[in-house]
């Protein structure tokens, strides 16, 4: 795969505050990559550095092999879609979409054809004469997307463009945006703090924390094999069993306040006495399941439609969650004692970093 964006040793300081700490990362041509993290982790700063609205204190940015570190935004082959679209209120939809092309000196007939093509792409045919104030939130964001795509940027940068939408519209726009990206074969770099959004839309996810990329990979890799307690906790819900390693009798186990658990096969070197954590996703836990077992007292049942989440107390300090179809939990009530199990390979062993 050809590399579209290269971030090489990028560091960003705002006075005494370090926003980015020597970030190295690549985005392949035609990839949809999400920068995921909590507020203040550096994801929007990194996006603005790629776009040229911020300059790195150290490091370089290349786009399709060209060093653009010192180029202003208008000379980069990128476009940036902001959180709320930032449409010109005094222009019609058609004028908004064609504005950048007009600035570039395109001929009127060429602009008109491109605008109609873009409005069709975002399913807004017939909206060209409307003003931004006549649009819904989702329509306005689609106009902003059409405007950004009109000039055929090599890389489209999106800074939480769906965060202001209500849940149902947001879910619809996630699928539409993903479909547009695949149809065009374009490179998208997408900033979000929403874990589900990143999982649904991305080819790869880069999780950021304190100005660093702490793990990157496919949604499946990130979710099923987090590399730290932070990542395991941040992306999706998980159960964390903390304890010390016991390697006696040729089988590594984790000794915790609620019992002893087999540690799944790992390339990590484990020694007795190490503080470690087992991470098990709630949907991997089954009532009276095969494999590792534990008894828990049901303390909470949360109905979510097709799914149910059941919280069980293993010991005074540990609530353990199971999640599954509604019919799997028929007859279970708060106060019941239940047996829980999970497949050995559903657990991930992680260093206990205190988070």
Protein backbone atom coordinates (compact mmCIF):
# COMPACT_ATOMS: atom_id res chain seq x y z
CA UNK A 1 0.00 0.00 0.00
CA UNK A 2 1.29 3.47 -0.94
CA UNK A 3 1.83 5.80 2.01
CA UNK A 4 -0.39 8.90 1.91
CA UNK A 5 0.62 10.63 5.17
CA UNK A 6 3.83 10.29 7.17
CA UNK A 7 4.18 11.80 10.63
CA UNK A 8 7.87 11.72 11.56
CA UNK A 9 8.97 12.55 15.10
CA UNK A 10 6.35 15.27 15.51
CA UNK A 11 6.44 17.15 18.79
CA UNK A 12 4.26 20.13 19.68
CA UNK A 13 4.73 22.50 22.60
CA UNK A 14 2.34 25.22 23.71
CA UNK A 15 4.52 27.15 26.11
CA UNK A 16 5.43 24.74 28.90
CA UNK A 17 2.70 22.28 27.87
CA UNK A 18 3.58 19.31 25.64
CA UNK A 19 0.62 18.57 23.35
CA UNK A 20 2.40 15.95 21.22
CA UNK A 21 5.45 13.92 22.19
CA UNK A 22 7.46 12.67 19.19
CA UNK A 23 4.67 10.99 17.25
CA UNK A 24 5.57 8.62 14.41
CA UNK A 25 2.71 7.33 12.30
CA UNK A 26 1.75 6.49 8.71
CA UNK A 27 -1.57 6.47 6.86
CA UNK A 28 -1.89 4.39 3.70
CA UNK A 29 -3.46 5.72 0.52
CA UNK A 30 -7.17 4.91 0.49
CA UNK A 31 -7.29 4.16 4.21
CA UNK A 32 -9.88 5.38 6.68
CA UNK A 33 -7.86 6.00 9.86
CA UNK A 34 -9.33 7.33 13.09
CA UNK A 35 -7.39 9.20 15.76
CA UNK A 36 -9.22 8.22 18.93
CA UNK A 37 -8.79 9.62 22.40
CA UNK A 38 -10.21 11.69 25.22
CA UNK A 39 -10.29 15.48 25.19
CA UNK A 40 -6.80 16.95 25.50
CA UNK A 41 -4.95 13.85 24.27
CA UNK A 42 -3.51 15.67 21.22
CA UNK A 43 -5.62 14.18 18.41
CA UNK A 44 -7.00 17.48 17.05
CA UNK A 45 -3.58 19.12 17.36
CA UNK A 46 -2.08 16.32 15.25
CA UNK A 47 -4.85 16.74 12.65
CA UNK A 48 -4.25 20.50 12.48
CA UNK A 49 -0.52 19.89 12.00
CA UNK A 50 -1.28 17.61 9.04
CA UNK A 51 -3.60 20.31 7.65
CA UNK A 52 -1.05 23.09 8.19
CA UNK A 53 -3.04 25.13 10.70
CA UNK A 54 -0.42 24.36 13.35
CA UNK A 55 3.33 23.98 12.94
CA UNK A 56 5.23 21.24 14.78
CA UNK A 57 7.85 22.29 17.29
CA UNK A 58 9.90 19.35 16.02
CA UNK A 59 9.50 16.74 13.31
CA UNK A 60 8.16 16.57 9.77
CA UNK A 61 4.98 15.86 7.83
CA UNK A 62 5.01 14.27 4.38
CA UNK A 63 2.03 13.80 2.07
CA UNK A 64 2.56 11.35 -0.78
CA UNK A 65 6.30 11.71 -0.30
CA UNK A 66 6.42 15.51 -0.35
CA UNK A 67 7.63 17.33 2.75
CA UNK A 68 4.84 19.80 3.55
CA UNK A 69 5.98 20.71 7.07
CA UNK A 70 6.46 24.40 6.26
CA UNK A 71 3.72 24.76 3.64
CA UNK A 72 0.59 26.79 4.52
CA UNK A 73 -2.81 25.00 4.42
CA UNK A 74 -3.76 26.33 0.98
CA UNK A 75 -0.67 24.78 -0.59
CA UNK A 76 -1.26 21.31 0.84
CA UNK A 77 -3.25 18.58 -0.96
CA UNK A 78 -5.63 18.35 1.99
CA UNK A 79 -9.00 19.68 3.10
CA UNK A 80 -10.35 19.91 6.63
CA UNK A 81 -13.98 19.35 7.67
CA UNK A 82 -14.74 21.02 10.99
CA UNK A 83 -17.04 19.89 13.78
CA UNK A 84 -19.97 22.08 12.74
CA UNK A 85 -19.36 22.38 9.02
CA UNK A 86 -18.67 26.15 9.08
CA UNK A 87 -20.81 26.90 6.03
CA UNK A 88 -21.00 30.46 4.73
CA UNK A 89 -24.48 31.62 5.88
CA UNK A 90 -24.87 34.22 3.11
CA UNK A 91 -24.27 31.66 0.34
CA UNK A 92 -26.55 28.98 -1.05
CA UNK A 93 -25.65 25.32 -0.82
CA UNK A 94 -24.45 25.40 -4.42
CA UNK A 95 -22.28 28.46 -3.77
CA UNK A 96 -20.83 26.90 -0.63
CA UNK A 97 -19.82 23.71 -2.41
CA UNK A 98 -18.32 25.60 -5.35
CA UNK A 99 -16.56 28.32 -3.35
CA UNK A 100 -13.13 26.67 -3.21
CA UNK A 101 -13.24 25.88 -6.91
CA UNK A 102 -14.10 29.49 -7.70
CA UNK A 103 -11.11 30.66 -5.65
CA UNK A 104 -8.91 28.26 -7.63
CA UNK A 105 -10.10 29.82 -10.86
CA UNK A 106 -12.10 26.96 -12.31
CA UNK A 107 -14.38 27.79 -15.24
CA UNK A 108 -18.05 28.31 -14.38
CA UNK A 109 -19.28 25.32 -16.42
CA UNK A 110 -16.71 23.07 -14.77
CA UNK A 111 -17.67 24.33 -11.32
CA UNK A 112 -21.38 23.75 -12.00
CA UNK A 113 -20.75 20.18 -13.14
CA UNK A 114 -18.54 19.41 -10.15
CA UNK A 115 -21.04 20.89 -7.67
CA UNK A 116 -23.88 18.76 -9.04
CA UNK A 117 -21.63 15.70 -8.91
CA UNK A 118 -20.79 16.37 -5.25
CA UNK A 119 -24.40 17.04 -4.25
CA UNK A 120 -25.38 13.73 -5.84
CA UNK A 121 -22.55 12.00 -3.97
CA UNK A 122 -23.90 13.18 -0.60
CA UNK A 123 -27.53 12.63 -1.67
CA UNK A 124 -28.56 16.29 -1.68
CA UNK A 125 -29.72 16.66 -5.28
CA UNK A 126 -32.23 19.49 -5.47
CA UNK A 127 -30.82 21.30 -2.40
CA UNK A 128 -28.51 23.60 -4.36
CA UNK A 129 -30.63 26.76 -3.98
CA UNK A 130 -31.24 26.40 -0.25
CA UNK A 131 -29.41 28.46 2.33
CA UNK A 132 -27.58 26.88 5.31
CA UNK A 133 -30.29 28.08 7.71
CA UNK A 134 -32.81 25.90 5.86
CA UNK A 135 -30.82 22.70 6.41
CA UNK A 136 -30.93 20.11 9.19
CA UNK A 137 -27.73 19.32 11.08
CA UNK A 138 -27.07 16.21 9.02
CA UNK A 139 -27.71 18.01 5.74
CA UNK A 140 -25.35 20.82 6.71
CA UNK A 141 -22.60 18.33 7.51
CA UNK A 142 -23.11 16.63 4.14
CA UNK A 143 -22.78 20.01 2.41
CA UNK A 144 -19.54 20.63 4.31
CA UNK A 145 -18.30 17.21 3.20
CA UNK A 146 -19.27 17.91 -0.43
CA UNK A 147 -17.41 21.24 -0.29
CA UNK A 148 -14.30 19.57 1.11
CA UNK A 149 -14.36 16.79 -1.50
CA UNK A 150 -15.09 19.07 -4.47
CA UNK A 151 -11.45 20.05 -5.03
CA UNK A 152 -10.33 16.40 -4.95
CA UNK A 153 -7.93 16.59 -2.00
CA UNK A 154 -5.43 13.76 -1.72
CA UNK A 155 -6.21 13.55 1.98
CA UNK A 156 -9.46 14.55 3.70
CA UNK A 157 -9.15 15.49 7.37
CA UNK A 158 -12.25 15.39 9.57
CA UNK A 159 -12.29 16.91 13.07
CA UNK A 160 -15.22 15.32 14.95
CA UNK A 161 -17.68 16.28 12.17
CA UNK A 162 -20.54 14.21 13.62
CA UNK A 163 -20.31 15.13 17.30
CA UNK A 164 -23.07 17.77 17.20
CA UNK A 165 -25.66 15.39 15.69
CA UNK A 166 -28.25 13.39 17.61
CA UNK A 167 -27.57 9.68 18.08
CA UNK A 168 -29.75 8.25 15.30
CA UNK A 169 -28.57 10.78 12.72
CA UNK A 170 -25.00 10.30 13.83
CA UNK A 171 -25.24 6.54 13.29
CA UNK A 172 -26.72 7.12 9.84
CA UNK A 173 -23.98 9.59 8.92
CA UNK A 174 -21.28 7.17 10.08
CA UNK A 175 -22.42 4.63 7.51
CA UNK A 176 -22.86 7.26 4.79
CA UNK A 177 -19.41 8.74 5.38
CA UNK A 178 -17.82 5.31 5.30
CA UNK A 179 -19.65 4.45 2.06
CA UNK A 180 -18.53 7.72 0.40
CA UNK A 181 -14.92 7.10 1.39
CA UNK A 182 -14.97 3.59 -0.06
CA UNK A 183 -16.72 4.73 -3.23
CA UNK A 184 -14.07 7.39 -3.87
CA UNK A 185 -11.11 5.34 -2.67
CA UNK A 186 -10.01 8.48 -0.83
CA UNK A 187 -7.73 8.80 2.21
CA UNK A 188 -9.60 9.94 5.32
CA UNK A 189 -8.06 10.87 8.67
CA UNK A 190 -10.87 11.18 11.20
CA UNK A 191 -10.69 12.57 14.74
CA UNK A 192 -13.19 11.30 17.30
CA UNK A 193 -13.58 10.69 21.02
CA UNK A 194 -16.35 8.15 20.39
CA UNK A 195 -15.08 4.56 20.61
CA UNK A 196 -18.06 3.03 18.81
CA UNK A 197 -17.73 5.53 15.99
CA UNK A 198 -14.07 4.61 15.49
CA UNK A 199 -14.83 0.88 15.53
CA UNK A 200 -17.66 1.21 13.00
CA UNK A 201 -15.91 3.45 10.49
CA UNK A 202 -12.19 2.75 10.50
CA UNK A 203 -9.77 0.53 8.63
CA UNK A 204 -7.30 1.32 11.41
CA UNK A 205 -7.51 3.13 14.73
CA UNK A 206 -4.72 5.05 16.47
CA UNK A 207 -5.47 5.48 20.17
CA UNK A 208 -3.89 8.57 21.72
CA UNK A 209 -3.13 9.41 25.32
CA UNK A 210 -1.07 12.28 26.73
CA UNK A 211 0.24 13.33 23.32
CA UNK A 212 1.31 9.86 22.21
CA UNK A 213 -0.12 7.10 20.04
CA UNK A 214 -0.28 4.22 22.52
CA UNK A 215 -1.65 1.55 20.14
CA UNK A 216 -2.73 1.34 16.53
CA UNK A 217 -4.24 -1.46 14.51
CA UNK A 218 -7.47 -2.69 12.97
CA UNK A 219 -10.65 -2.30 15.04
CA UNK A 220 -10.61 -6.05 15.68
CA UNK A 221 -6.97 -6.02 16.85
CA UNK A 222 -7.49 -3.03 19.12
CA UNK A 223 -10.66 -4.42 20.66
CA UNK A 224 -9.67 -8.05 21.06
CA UNK A 225 -5.99 -7.60 21.88
CA UNK A 226 -5.42 -4.30 23.68
CA UNK A 227 -1.77 -3.75 24.64
CA UNK A 228 -2.42 -1.99 27.95
CA UNK A 229 -4.96 -1.57 30.71
CA UNK A 230 -5.57 1.97 29.46
CA UNK A 231 -6.51 0.80 25.96
CA UNK A 232 -8.58 -2.11 27.29
CA UNK A 233 -10.52 0.28 29.50
CA UNK A 234 -10.82 3.04 26.93
CA UNK A 235 -12.17 1.16 23.94
CA UNK A 236 -15.32 -0.66 24.93
CA UNK A 237 -16.28 -2.14 28.29
CA UNK A 238 -14.11 -4.74 29.98
CA UNK A 239 -13.68 -6.70 33.18
CA UNK A 240 -10.31 -6.31 34.90
CA UNK A 241 -9.07 -8.94 37.35
CA UNK A 242 -5.93 -7.75 39.15
CA UNK A 243 -3.53 -10.05 40.95
CA UNK A 244 -0.12 -11.67 41.13
CA UNK A 245 1.37 -14.29 38.85
CA UNK A 246 2.01 -17.85 40.05
CA UNK A 247 4.13 -19.99 37.69
CA UNK A 248 4.36 -23.12 39.80
CA UNK A 249 3.41 -26.55 38.42
CA UNK A 250 4.17 -25.51 34.83
CA UNK A 251 0.99 -23.47 34.45
CA UNK A 252 0.86 -19.70 34.86
CA UNK A 253 -2.12 -18.46 36.85
CA UNK A 254 -3.25 -15.16 38.30
CA UNK A 255 -4.03 -15.11 42.00
CA UNK A 256 -6.69 -12.52 42.82
CA UNK A 257 -8.99 -11.64 45.69
CA UNK A 258 -11.80 -13.57 43.97
CA UNK A 259 -9.89 -16.69 42.96
CA UNK A 260 -7.21 -18.19 40.75
CA UNK A 261 -7.42 -17.80 36.96
CA UNK A 262 -5.47 -19.52 34.20
CA UNK A 263 -3.35 -17.05 32.21
CA UNK A 264 -3.78 -17.58 28.46
CA UNK A 265 -0.77 -18.26 26.26
CA UNK A 266 1.37 -15.16 25.86
CA UNK A 267 4.77 -14.13 24.51
CA UNK A 268 5.36 -12.10 27.67
CA UNK A 269 7.91 -13.44 30.14
CA UNK A 270 6.05 -14.04 33.38
CA UNK A 271 7.54 -14.55 36.81
CA UNK A 272 5.89 -15.43 40.10
CA UNK A 273 4.97 -12.37 42.08
CA UNK A 274 4.48 -10.04 39.08
CA UNK A 275 1.45 -7.74 39.29
CA UNK A 276 -0.70 -8.38 36.21
CA UNK A 277 -4.27 -7.88 34.99
CA UNK A 278 -6.64 -10.15 33.09
CA UNK A 279 -8.99 -8.30 30.72
CA UNK A 280 -12.19 -10.11 29.67
CA UNK A 281 -14.89 -8.44 27.57
CA UNK A 282 -18.43 -8.79 29.04
CA UNK A 283 -19.79 -10.34 25.84
CA UNK A 284 -17.26 -13.18 26.20
CA UNK A 285 -18.69 -14.11 29.61
CA UNK A 286 -21.42 -16.72 29.76
CA UNK A 287 -23.67 -18.04 32.49
CA UNK A 288 -22.39 -21.48 33.53
CA UNK A 289 -19.97 -21.24 30.61
CA UNK A 290 -17.18 -23.67 29.85
CA UNK A 291 -13.60 -22.79 30.69
CA UNK A 292 -12.61 -20.59 33.62
CA UNK A 293 -15.38 -20.36 36.20
CA UNK A 294 -16.30 -18.07 39.05
CA UNK A 295 -19.37 -17.61 41.20
CA UNK A 296 -20.85 -14.15 41.55
CA UNK A 297 -23.77 -12.51 43.31
CA UNK A 298 -26.05 -10.66 40.88
CA UNK A 299 -26.20 -6.99 41.90
CA UNK A 300 -27.52 -5.31 38.77
CA UNK A 301 -29.43 -6.15 35.59
CA UNK A 302 -29.47 -3.56 32.80
CA UNK A 303 -31.94 -4.11 29.98
CA UNK A 304 -30.70 -2.77 26.61
CA UNK A 305 -33.33 -4.13 24.23
CA UNK A 306 -31.94 -7.23 22.52
CA UNK A 307 -29.03 -7.33 24.97
CA UNK A 308 -28.82 -7.48 28.75
CA UNK A 309 -25.86 -6.54 30.99
CA UNK A 310 -25.59 -8.37 34.29
CA UNK A 311 -23.31 -7.14 37.06
CA UNK A 312 -22.10 -9.68 39.61
CA UNK A 313 -20.04 -9.16 42.75
CA UNK A 314 -17.09 -11.56 43.00
CA UNK A 315 -15.61 -10.06 46.15
CA UNK A 316 -16.01 -6.78 48.07
CA UNK A 317 -13.88 -4.92 45.52
CA UNK A 318 -14.81 -6.57 42.21
CA UNK A 319 -17.94 -6.22 40.06
CA UNK A 320 -17.82 -8.55 37.06
CA UNK A 321 -20.05 -7.99 34.02
CA UNK A 322 -21.62 -10.41 31.57
CA UNK A 323 -23.49 -9.35 28.45
CA UNK A 324 -25.65 -11.34 26.06
CA UNK A 325 -29.06 -11.81 24.49
CA UNK A 326 -32.11 -11.16 26.62
CA UNK A 327 -33.18 -14.81 26.44
CA UNK A 328 -29.81 -15.99 27.81
CA UNK A 329 -30.62 -14.33 31.13
CA UNK A 330 -34.23 -15.46 31.55
CA UNK A 331 -35.00 -16.20 35.17
CA UNK A 332 -31.98 -14.36 36.58
CA UNK A 333 -32.76 -11.87 39.36
CA UNK A 334 -30.83 -9.54 41.62
CA UNK A 335 -29.64 -11.52 44.63
CA UNK A 336 -29.08 -14.77 42.71
CA UNK A 337 -25.70 -16.50 42.77
CA UNK A 338 -24.58 -17.46 39.26
CA UNK A 339 -21.66 -19.37 37.74
CA UNK A 340 -19.77 -17.47 35.05
CA UNK A 341 -17.28 -18.73 32.49
CA UNK A 342 -15.31 -17.67 29.45
CA UNK A 343 -13.06 -19.31 26.88
CA UNK A 344 -9.41 -19.18 27.89
CA UNK A 345 -8.41 -17.29 24.72
CA UNK A 346 -11.08 -14.62 25.41
CA UNK A 347 -8.86 -13.20 28.17
CA UNK A 348 -5.87 -10.93 27.61
CA UNK A 349 -3.03 -10.67 30.11
CA UNK A 350 -1.67 -7.14 30.63
CA UNK A 351 0.89 -5.45 32.82
CA UNK A 352 -0.66 -3.73 35.82
CA UNK A 353 0.24 -0.10 35.14
CA UNK A 354 -2.03 1.21 37.88
CA UNK A 355 -4.66 2.67 35.54
